Amino acid sequence: MTAMEQLPTDLDTHLCTVGEYAALGETDYWSELQEGKIVVSPSPTSEHSMACSELGVQLRPQLRRTWCPCST
């Protein structure tokens, strides 16, 4: 097994083995191996991050105080 230093450039045609994927080690991006293809997830958009924050703001008052001491 040879170590891969970066993602292969021919991701559309090259099917990776579990060993090749494992040889990538830790990466700066979130990825997974699906049926021999490396799938990389895009970063969330600012709109997505804002929606998550708003959801948290609206859910916080709904939590019981005993479960979340941060509730007011």
Protein backbone atom coordinates (compact mmCIF):
# COMPACT_ATOMS: atom_id res chain seq x y z
CA MET A 1 0.00 0.00 0.00
CA THR A 2 1.37 3.41 -0.94
CA ALA A 3 0.47 6.53 0.99
CA MET A 4 -1.56 9.18 -0.75
CA GLU A 5 -0.34 12.68 0.00
CA GLN A 6 -3.38 14.41 -1.49
CA LEU A 7 -6.66 13.64 -3.17
CA PRO A 8 -6.29 12.01 -6.58
CA THR A 9 -6.94 14.41 -9.46
CA ASP A 10 -9.05 11.85 -11.32
CA LEU A 11 -11.79 11.46 -8.70
CA ASP A 12 -14.40 10.91 -11.42
CA THR A 13 -12.73 7.73 -12.70
CA HIS A 14 -10.42 6.47 -9.92
CA LEU A 15 -12.02 4.19 -7.32
CA CYS A 16 -10.10 4.32 -4.05
CA THR A 17 -9.56 1.41 -1.74
CA VAL A 18 -10.09 1.66 2.00
CA GLY A 19 -6.30 1.54 2.37
CA GLU A 20 -5.80 4.48 0.02
CA TYR A 21 -8.46 6.48 1.83
CA ALA A 22 -6.96 5.65 5.22
CA ALA A 23 -3.54 6.73 3.92
CA LEU A 24 -4.88 10.26 3.50
CA GLY A 25 -4.82 10.59 7.27
CA GLU A 26 -6.21 13.74 8.85
CA THR A 27 -7.33 16.34 6.33
CA ASP A 28 -8.46 19.96 6.50
CA TYR A 29 -11.80 19.03 4.95
CA TRP A 30 -14.61 16.63 5.85
CA SER A 31 -14.73 13.63 3.55
CA GLU A 32 -15.90 10.03 3.42
CA LEU A 33 -15.46 7.03 1.16
CA GLN A 34 -18.62 5.92 -0.64
CA GLU A 35 -18.40 2.95 -2.98
CA GLY A 36 -14.78 3.73 -3.83
CA LYS A 37 -15.32 7.46 -4.37
CA ILE A 38 -14.11 10.15 -2.02
CA VAL A 39 -16.97 12.51 -1.27
CA VAL A 40 -16.05 15.94 0.11
CA SER A 41 -18.70 18.04 1.84
CA PRO A 42 -18.72 21.77 1.19
CA SER A 43 -18.46 24.24 4.04
CA PRO A 44 -21.77 25.62 5.28
CA THR A 45 -22.84 28.96 3.84
CA SER A 46 -23.24 32.03 6.03
CA GLU A 47 -27.02 31.74 5.56
CA HIS A 48 -26.91 28.19 6.96
CA SER A 49 -24.85 29.32 9.96
CA MET A 50 -27.26 32.19 10.63
CA ALA A 51 -30.26 29.83 10.40
CA CYS A 52 -28.63 27.46 12.93
CA SER A 53 -27.99 30.34 15.31
CA GLU A 54 -31.57 31.58 14.99
CA LEU A 55 -32.89 28.08 15.62
CA GLY A 56 -30.82 27.89 18.81
CA VAL A 57 -32.11 31.28 19.96
CA GLN A 58 -35.71 30.16 19.44
CA LEU A 59 -35.23 26.74 21.05
CA ARG A 60 -33.43 27.92 24.18
CA PRO A 61 -36.59 29.24 25.94
CA GLN A 62 -38.29 25.91 25.25
CA LEU A 63 -35.74 23.91 27.28
CA ARG A 64 -36.46 23.02 30.87
CA ARG A 65 -34.27 24.89 33.32
CA THR A 66 -33.17 21.60 34.97
CA TRP A 67 -31.83 20.34 31.63
CA CYS A 68 -30.10 23.52 30.53
CA PRO A 69 -28.98 25.94 33.25
CA CYS A 70 -28.35 28.56 30.55
CA SER A 71 -32.12 28.99 29.99
CA THR A 72 -33.70 32.14 31.32
